[in-house]
Amino acid sequence: MERLRGIRSAVVRRITTTNLMAVLCFLLAVVPTSLYRPDGLHEVNLACGVATAVPVFFAARNLLVSWFLAVLLVLVLPRAYGARTGPELEWGWPWTIGLTVAVGFLLYRIALRHHAVVVVAVLAVTFVATWPRLNDWGDAALPGFLATGAVVLGNAVRQRREADGLRRAEQTRLVALEERTRIARELHDVVSHHMSALVLRTDAVSYRLPGLAPEVLDELDVIGRMARDGLTEMRRMLVVLRAGDGDGAAPQPGLSDVEGVVARFRETGAEITLLVDVGPVPTGVGLSAYRIVQEALSNSGRHAPGGAVSVEIAARGDVLGIEVRNAAATRPALDNDPARPRHGLVGMAERVRVLGGEFAAGPTPDGGFSVVADLPLHGEDTA
């Protein structure tokens, strides 16, 4: 949904830009001529100005066709104008400023959207199309320079955008990897807890159930040794995962701790309603639910301060549904830098993906924001 909204917004911006550029090209084709000539605006100049704007106007719909129309105008408009051009006539330049800007804009857009083969072919055809209207071969340098400049500029902008896109994708990937490592640390804590419990329960069997057969005691002894070995290896792995991240001795939070994190956010003055309608859940699911609510509340506090927040956690069949919804901000956002990458949603989505659930986030019609996650409940022990 967010991606479609971004694409739609980009299309609207592109259409708006081309429309404004079409108006500018029309004015640059008509105004200088009408101011320059004693008889002012003439129907010939007006018609040629409209013709100049047409390729630019349709550039957002079919860029290459618009360029082809512009090339035809490069060939035809000097004859249509005759001696009715403006100051360009004294410069020995057979095209109006408006047509020059129109062709340059189209070349820029082509370089911005197409690869080198298409760009070079378009540049060559445009350059050749100027020759029949030039008085001398020495005049070919200027149109060649202008056309090449527009193409070089468009290519530079395209490469910069591609580099920015790769950088953002790499940042997103790194955030997902960091979140995955954090999930691994937390889940290893959970597994270690269960392994410790298994060792203790195994050791206690011979005391709780005296009189067991020797072969049963031998089997329990093997199970106990295997559990201790697994616990030892798990602790070593936790040392590696937690390198530089504190001692990690504190137990991992779960669904029962959500009320506590909501209470801490309420202490900041936030208006938060909490509804939890669920029994025991798998330990990993409860941990992820806690982290999702924690991150969503942090985001609402940064980006929508003063807006009411609702947190709803409920079991629906074999799925744990989580929805955190905030209203529009009533105070200026604490973090309103649009250039700063937003990676909180990436981390939440990665958590849900690891558990095989579904995640959605986006603006609401009332100007707020919602985070919705569905986490599967089957396949684990509950805690």
Protein backbone atom coordinates (compact mmCIF):
# COMPACT_ATOMS: atom_id res chain seq x y z
CA MET A 1 0.00 0.00 0.00
CA GLU A 2 2.78 2.43 0.95
CA ARG A 3 4.65 1.59 -2.22
CA LEU A 4 1.58 2.21 -4.41
CA ARG A 5 0.94 5.50 -2.61
CA GLY A 6 4.56 6.55 -3.24
CA ILE A 7 4.32 5.66 -6.93
CA ARG A 8 1.06 7.58 -7.28
CA SER A 9 2.59 10.62 -5.60
CA ALA A 10 5.63 10.49 -7.89
CA VAL A 11 3.38 10.33 -10.97
CA VAL A 12 1.39 13.36 -9.78
CA ARG A 13 4.58 15.33 -9.20
CA ARG A 14 5.89 14.39 -12.64
CA ILE A 15 2.67 15.47 -14.37
CA THR A 16 2.63 18.75 -12.44
CA THR A 17 6.24 19.46 -13.40
CA THR A 18 5.63 18.80 -17.09
CA ASN A 19 2.51 20.99 -17.10
CA LEU A 20 4.39 23.87 -15.51
CA MET A 21 7.25 23.41 -17.96
CA ALA A 22 4.80 23.40 -20.88
CA VAL A 23 3.40 26.75 -19.73
CA LEU A 24 6.92 28.13 -19.35
CA CYS A 25 7.91 27.02 -22.85
CA PHE A 26 4.75 28.61 -24.28
CA LEU A 27 5.52 31.90 -22.57
CA LEU A 28 9.17 31.85 -23.66
CA ALA A 29 8.07 31.20 -27.23
CA VAL A 30 5.47 34.01 -27.29
CA VAL A 31 6.40 36.79 -24.86
CA PRO A 32 9.92 37.68 -26.11
CA THR A 33 8.62 37.81 -29.68
CA SER A 34 5.60 40.00 -28.84
CA LEU A 35 7.78 42.40 -26.83
CA TYR A 36 10.46 42.54 -29.50
CA ARG A 37 8.22 43.29 -32.50
CA PRO A 38 6.37 46.58 -32.96
CA ASP A 39 3.16 44.83 -34.00
CA GLY A 40 3.15 42.86 -30.73
CA LEU A 41 1.47 39.48 -30.44
CA HIS A 42 0.58 37.84 -33.75
CA GLU A 43 -1.53 34.76 -34.45
CA VAL A 44 1.47 33.06 -36.09
CA ASN A 45 3.55 33.43 -32.94
CA LEU A 46 0.63 32.33 -30.78
CA ALA A 47 0.07 29.19 -32.88
CA CYS A 48 3.79 28.36 -32.85
CA GLY A 49 3.88 28.89 -29.09
CA VAL A 50 1.05 26.41 -28.60
CA ALA A 51 2.85 23.94 -30.87
CA THR A 52 6.01 24.39 -28.78
CA ALA A 53 4.17 23.51 -25.57
CA VAL A 54 2.40 20.41 -26.92
CA PRO A 55 5.37 17.96 -26.78
CA VAL A 56 6.23 19.05 -23.25
CA PHE A 57 2.62 18.77 -22.13
CA PHE A 58 2.46 15.13 -23.22
CA ALA A 59 5.93 14.21 -21.98
CA ALA A 60 4.58 12.55 -18.82
CA ARG A 61 2.42 10.24 -20.94
CA ASN A 62 4.80 9.18 -23.70
CA LEU A 63 8.25 10.68 -23.49
CA LEU A 64 9.78 9.33 -26.69
CA VAL A 65 6.77 10.31 -28.82
CA SER A 66 6.94 13.80 -27.31
CA TRP A 67 10.63 14.00 -28.18
CA PHE A 68 9.87 12.94 -31.77
CA LEU A 69 7.27 15.73 -32.06
CA ALA A 70 9.84 18.19 -30.71
CA VAL A 71 12.35 17.11 -33.36
CA LEU A 72 9.72 17.72 -36.03
CA LEU A 73 9.18 21.20 -34.59
CA VAL A 74 12.93 21.84 -34.77
CA LEU A 75 12.67 21.18 -38.51
CA VAL A 76 9.33 22.91 -39.19
CA LEU A 77 8.92 25.89 -36.85
CA PRO A 78 11.71 28.09 -38.31
CA ARG A 79 9.86 28.03 -41.66
CA ALA A 80 6.51 28.62 -39.95
CA TYR A 81 7.83 31.66 -38.12
CA GLY A 82 9.50 33.09 -41.20
CA ALA A 83 10.71 36.56 -40.20
CA ARG A 84 8.41 36.81 -37.18
CA THR A 85 10.77 35.51 -34.49
CA GLY A 86 12.02 37.80 -31.76
CA PRO A 87 15.54 38.68 -30.66
CA GLU A 88 16.72 35.19 -31.66
CA LEU A 89 16.64 36.33 -35.31
CA GLU A 90 19.37 38.87 -34.68
CA TRP A 91 21.48 36.23 -33.00
CA GLY A 92 21.32 34.05 -36.09
CA TRP A 93 19.37 31.49 -34.07
CA PRO A 94 16.36 30.07 -35.98
CA TRP A 95 14.50 28.73 -32.91
CA THR A 96 12.74 30.57 -30.12
CA ILE A 97 13.90 30.38 -26.54
CA GLY A 98 10.74 28.41 -25.75
CA LEU A 99 11.51 25.67 -28.28
CA THR A 100 15.13 25.49 -27.11
CA VAL A 101 14.00 25.01 -23.50
CA ALA A 102 11.39 22.44 -24.58
CA VAL A 103 13.91 20.30 -26.47
CA GLY A 104 16.43 20.58 -23.62
CA PHE A 105 13.80 19.54 -21.07
CA LEU A 106 12.81 16.49 -23.13
CA LEU A 107 16.44 15.45 -23.59
CA TYR A 108 16.98 15.84 -19.85
CA ARG A 109 13.96 13.65 -19.08
CA ILE A 110 15.07 10.99 -21.56
CA ALA A 111 18.54 10.86 -19.99
CA LEU A 112 16.85 10.62 -16.60
CA ARG A 113 14.71 7.62 -17.50
CA HIS A 114 16.49 5.67 -20.24
CA HIS A 115 19.77 3.84 -20.64
CA ALA A 116 22.81 4.94 -22.62
CA VAL A 117 21.88 3.35 -25.97
CA VAL A 118 18.55 5.18 -26.20
CA VAL A 119 20.04 8.44 -24.90
CA VAL A 120 22.90 8.45 -27.41
CA ALA A 121 20.54 7.69 -30.30
CA VAL A 122 18.13 10.45 -29.27
CA LEU A 123 20.97 12.94 -28.84
CA ALA A 124 22.40 12.12 -32.27
CA VAL A 125 19.04 12.45 -34.05
CA THR A 126 18.31 15.75 -32.30
CA PHE A 127 21.70 17.14 -33.24
CA VAL A 128 21.35 16.11 -36.88
CA ALA A 129 17.84 17.63 -37.01
CA THR A 130 19.34 21.08 -36.34
CA TRP A 131 21.62 21.05 -39.40
CA PRO A 132 19.07 21.98 -42.12
CA ARG A 133 18.24 25.21 -40.27
CA LEU A 134 21.79 26.35 -39.58
CA ASN A 135 23.41 28.95 -41.83
CA ASP A 136 26.93 27.69 -41.31
CA TRP A 137 28.60 24.53 -40.06
CA GLY A 138 30.33 26.61 -37.43
CA ASP A 139 26.95 27.26 -35.84
CA ALA A 140 26.51 23.54 -35.09
CA ALA A 141 28.64 23.80 -31.94
CA LEU A 142 26.00 25.68 -29.94
CA PRO A 143 23.05 23.28 -30.43
CA GLY A 144 25.42 20.37 -29.88
CA PHE A 145 26.65 21.90 -26.63
CA LEU A 146 23.13 22.65 -25.38
CA ALA A 147 21.77 19.20 -26.23
CA THR A 148 24.78 17.43 -24.73
CA GLY A 149 24.55 19.55 -21.60
CA ALA A 150 20.91 18.59 -21.06
CA VAL A 151 21.75 14.91 -21.51
CA VAL A 152 24.76 15.04 -19.19
CA LEU A 153 22.69 16.77 -16.51
CA GLY A 154 19.89 14.21 -16.77
CA ASN A 155 22.36 11.32 -16.66
CA ALA A 156 24.09 12.77 -13.58
CA VAL A 157 20.77 13.17 -11.76
CA ARG A 158 19.76 9.60 -12.71
CA GLN A 159 23.03 8.16 -11.42
CA ARG A 160 22.69 10.10 -8.18
CA ARG A 161 19.14 8.84 -7.68
CA GLU A 162 20.23 5.26 -8.38
CA ALA A 163 23.06 5.62 -5.87
CA ASP A 164 20.63 7.04 -3.29
CA GLY A 165 18.25 4.16 -3.93
CA LEU A 166 21.04 1.61 -3.46
CA ARG A 167 22.15 3.36 -0.29
CA ARG A 168 18.62 3.34 1.13
CA ALA A 169 18.20 -0.32 0.20
CA GLU A 170 21.49 -1.18 1.90
CA GLN A 171 20.47 0.75 5.01
CA THR A 172 17.16 -1.10 5.08
CA ARG A 173 18.98 -4.42 4.68
CA LEU A 174 21.38 -3.59 7.52
CA VAL A 175 18.51 -2.59 9.79
CA ALA A 176 16.74 -5.86 9.00
CA LEU A 177 19.94 -7.79 9.78
CA GLU A 178 20.40 -5.90 13.06
CA GLU A 179 16.81 -6.60 14.03
CA ARG A 180 17.26 -10.25 13.07
CA THR A 181 20.35 -10.45 15.31
CA ARG A 182 18.41 -8.85 18.15
CA ILE A 183 15.59 -11.35 17.65
CA ALA A 184 18.17 -14.17 17.71
CA ARG A 185 19.61 -12.88 21.00
CA GLU A 186 16.20 -12.64 22.59
CA LEU A 187 15.01 -16.04 21.36
CA HIS A 188 18.24 -17.64 22.51
CA ASP A 189 17.51 -16.23 25.96
CA VAL A 190 14.12 -17.90 25.80
CA VAL A 191 15.61 -21.20 24.64
CA SER A 192 18.24 -21.05 27.39
CA HIS A 193 15.50 -20.60 29.96
CA HIS A 194 13.70 -23.70 28.69
CA MET A 195 16.94 -25.68 28.55
CA SER A 196 17.71 -24.75 32.17
CA ALA A 197 14.24 -25.81 33.21
CA LEU A 198 14.70 -29.10 31.34
CA VAL A 199 17.97 -29.84 33.19
CA LEU A 200 16.41 -29.08 36.55
CA ARG A 201 13.32 -31.17 35.87
CA THR A 202 15.43 -34.08 34.64
CA ASP A 203 17.65 -34.00 37.72
CA ALA A 204 14.62 -33.88 39.98
CA VAL A 205 12.88 -36.94 38.49
CA SER A 206 14.86 -39.46 40.57
CA TYR A 207 13.94 -37.59 43.77
CA ARG A 208 10.30 -36.97 42.88
CA LEU A 209 9.72 -40.53 41.61
CA PRO A 210 11.80 -42.95 43.69
CA GLY A 211 11.96 -46.60 42.72
CA LEU A 212 12.37 -46.13 38.97
CA ALA A 213 13.96 -48.97 37.04
CA PRO A 214 17.74 -48.69 36.46
CA GLU A 215 17.36 -48.45 32.68
CA VAL A 216 14.96 -45.54 33.13
CA LEU A 217 17.43 -43.77 35.41
CA ASP A 218 20.21 -44.37 32.87
CA GLU A 219 18.05 -42.86 30.11
CA LEU A 220 17.27 -39.85 32.29
CA ASP A 221 20.97 -39.46 33.01
CA VAL A 222 21.72 -39.41 29.26
CA ILE A 223 18.95 -36.85 28.69
CA GLY A 224 20.31 -34.71 31.53
CA ARG A 225 23.86 -34.77 30.13
CA MET A 226 22.63 -33.87 26.65
CA ALA A 227 20.57 -31.01 28.09
CA ARG A 228 23.60 -29.69 30.03
CA ASP A 229 25.80 -29.89 26.94
CA GLY A 230 23.17 -28.04 24.92
CA LEU A 231 22.84 -25.41 27.65
CA THR A 232 26.61 -24.91 27.71
CA GLU A 233 26.76 -24.43 23.95
CA MET A 234 23.76 -22.10 24.12
CA ARG A 235 25.51 -19.95 26.72
CA ARG A 236 28.61 -19.73 24.53
CA MET A 237 26.47 -18.66 21.61
CA LEU A 238 24.79 -16.03 23.76
CA VAL A 239 28.19 -14.62 24.72
CA VAL A 240 28.96 -14.15 21.00
CA LEU A 241 25.57 -12.68 20.19
CA ARG A 242 25.70 -10.31 23.15
CA ALA A 243 29.25 -9.09 22.58
CA GLY A 244 29.26 -5.37 23.36
CA ASP A 245 25.59 -5.49 24.35
CA GLY A 246 25.75 -5.71 28.12
CA ASP A 247 25.56 -8.84 30.22
CA GLY A 248 22.04 -9.74 29.07
CA ALA A 249 21.18 -11.15 32.48
CA ALA A 250 17.71 -9.59 32.63
CA PRO A 251 14.82 -11.82 31.55
CA GLN A 252 13.21 -11.05 28.23
CA PRO A 253 9.85 -9.24 28.36
CA GLY A 254 6.63 -10.81 27.23
CA LEU A 255 2.98 -10.09 26.68
CA SER A 256 2.43 -9.62 30.42
CA ASP A 257 4.86 -6.68 30.33
CA VAL A 258 2.88 -4.69 27.73
CA GLU A 259 0.82 -3.01 30.45
CA GLY A 260 4.04 -1.81 32.06
CA VAL A 261 5.43 -0.23 28.89
CA VAL A 262 2.06 1.45 28.25
CA ALA A 263 2.13 2.84 31.79
CA ARG A 264 5.60 4.30 31.21
CA PHE A 265 4.42 6.07 28.07
CA ARG A 266 1.36 7.37 29.90
CA GLU A 267 3.71 9.01 32.39
CA THR A 268 4.94 11.24 29.55
CA GLY A 269 1.42 12.66 29.18
CA ALA A 270 0.34 10.44 26.28
CA GLU A 271 -3.33 9.41 26.16
CA ILE A 272 -3.23 5.66 25.59
CA THR A 273 -6.05 3.12 25.78
CA LEU A 274 -5.07 -0.55 26.15
CA LEU A 275 -7.20 -3.60 25.42
CA VAL A 276 -5.70 -7.07 25.88
CA ASP A 277 -7.99 -10.03 25.27
CA VAL A 278 -5.76 -13.08 25.11
CA GLY A 279 -4.60 -15.96 27.30
CA PRO A 280 -1.15 -17.57 27.42
CA VAL A 281 0.80 -17.25 24.17
CA PRO A 282 4.06 -18.78 22.91
CA THR A 283 7.07 -17.13 24.49
CA GLY A 284 8.54 -15.90 21.22
CA VAL A 285 5.21 -14.47 20.11
CA GLY A 286 4.76 -12.65 23.40
CA LEU A 287 8.26 -11.20 23.14
CA SER A 288 7.66 -9.96 19.59
CA ALA A 289 4.27 -8.53 20.54
CA TYR A 290 5.92 -6.55 23.34
CA ARG A 291 8.62 -5.19 21.01
CA ILE A 292 6.09 -4.22 18.32
CA VAL A 293 3.94 -2.31 20.82
CA GLN A 294 7.04 -0.67 22.31
CA GLU A 295 8.34 0.52 18.92
CA ALA A 296 4.90 1.66 17.73
CA LEU A 297 4.40 3.74 20.88
CA SER A 298 7.87 5.26 20.45
CA ASN A 299 7.04 6.20 16.86
CA SER A 300 3.72 7.79 17.86
CA GLY A 301 5.48 9.81 20.56
CA ARG A 302 8.08 11.12 18.11
CA HIS A 303 5.92 11.75 15.07
CA ALA A 304 2.45 12.43 16.52
CA PRO A 305 2.85 13.99 19.98
CA GLY A 306 -0.43 14.78 21.69
CA GLY A 307 -2.43 12.39 19.51
CA ALA A 308 -4.51 9.76 21.30
CA VAL A 309 -3.19 6.20 20.94
CA SER A 310 -5.09 2.93 21.13
CA VAL A 311 -3.41 -0.45 21.63
CA GLU A 312 -5.42 -3.60 21.01
CA ILE A 313 -4.09 -7.14 21.39
CA ALA A 314 -6.51 -10.01 20.85
CA ALA A 315 -6.41 -13.65 19.82
CA ARG A 316 -8.40 -14.51 16.70
CA GLY A 317 -8.35 -18.26 16.23
CA ASP A 318 -4.70 -19.30 15.82
CA VAL A 319 -3.49 -15.71 15.25
CA LEU A 320 -2.53 -13.01 17.74
CA GLY A 321 -3.70 -9.68 16.35
CA ILE A 322 -1.89 -6.48 17.33
CA GLU A 323 -3.08 -3.01 16.34
CA VAL A 324 -1.53 0.26 17.50
CA ARG A 325 -3.34 3.30 16.13
CA ASN A 326 -2.57 6.94 16.86
CA ALA A 327 -4.56 10.05 15.98
CA ALA A 328 -3.08 13.10 14.27
CA ALA A 329 -0.52 15.11 16.23
CA THR A 330 -1.72 18.07 18.26
CA ARG A 331 1.79 19.42 18.84
CA PRO A 332 4.85 19.84 16.58
CA ALA A 333 6.61 16.55 15.93
CA LEU A 334 9.78 15.91 17.89
CA ASP A 335 11.38 14.34 14.82
CA ASN A 336 10.23 16.05 11.62
CA ASP A 337 13.36 15.68 9.50
CA PRO A 338 12.07 14.15 6.22
CA ALA A 339 15.60 13.20 5.15
CA ARG A 340 16.21 10.93 8.14
CA PRO A 341 15.71 7.23 7.31
CA ARG A 342 12.75 5.62 9.09
CA HIS A 343 13.76 2.12 10.13
CA GLY A 344 11.40 1.37 13.03
CA LEU A 345 8.83 -0.08 10.65
CA VAL A 346 11.54 -2.19 8.99
CA GLY A 347 12.42 -3.74 12.35
CA MET A 348 8.79 -4.50 13.21
CA ALA A 349 8.19 -6.02 9.78
CA GLU A 350 11.28 -8.20 10.17
CA ARG A 351 10.04 -9.51 13.52
CA VAL A 352 6.70 -10.44 12.01
CA ARG A 353 8.36 -12.03 8.98
CA VAL A 354 10.61 -14.22 11.16
CA LEU A 355 7.51 -15.61 12.91
CA GLY A 356 5.68 -16.14 9.61
CA GLY A 357 3.03 -13.51 10.27
CA GLU A 358 1.62 -10.55 8.38
CA PHE A 359 2.42 -6.86 8.86
CA ALA A 360 0.90 -3.62 7.58
CA ALA A 361 1.47 0.02 8.47
CA GLY A 362 0.33 3.29 6.98
CA PRO A 363 -1.54 6.58 7.42
CA THR A 364 -5.19 6.58 8.45
CA PRO A 365 -7.94 8.74 6.89
CA ASP A 366 -8.06 10.99 9.97
CA GLY A 367 -4.40 11.96 9.62
CA GLY A 368 -3.06 9.43 12.09
CA PHE A 369 -1.08 6.23 11.64
CA SER A 370 -1.73 2.56 12.29
CA VAL A 371 0.46 -0.49 12.79
CA VAL A 372 -1.20 -3.89 12.37
CA ALA A 373 0.50 -7.25 12.91
CA ASP A 374 -0.84 -10.81 12.90
CA LEU A 375 1.39 -13.36 14.63
CA PRO A 376 0.70 -17.11 14.38
CA LEU A 377 0.10 -18.79 17.74
CA HIS A 378 0.70 -22.41 16.82
CA GLY A 379 3.95 -24.34 16.93
CA GLU A 380 5.40 -23.25 20.32
CA ASP A 381 4.95 -23.84 24.00
CA THR A 382 3.02 -21.13 25.76
CA ALA A 383 4.37 -19.12 28.66
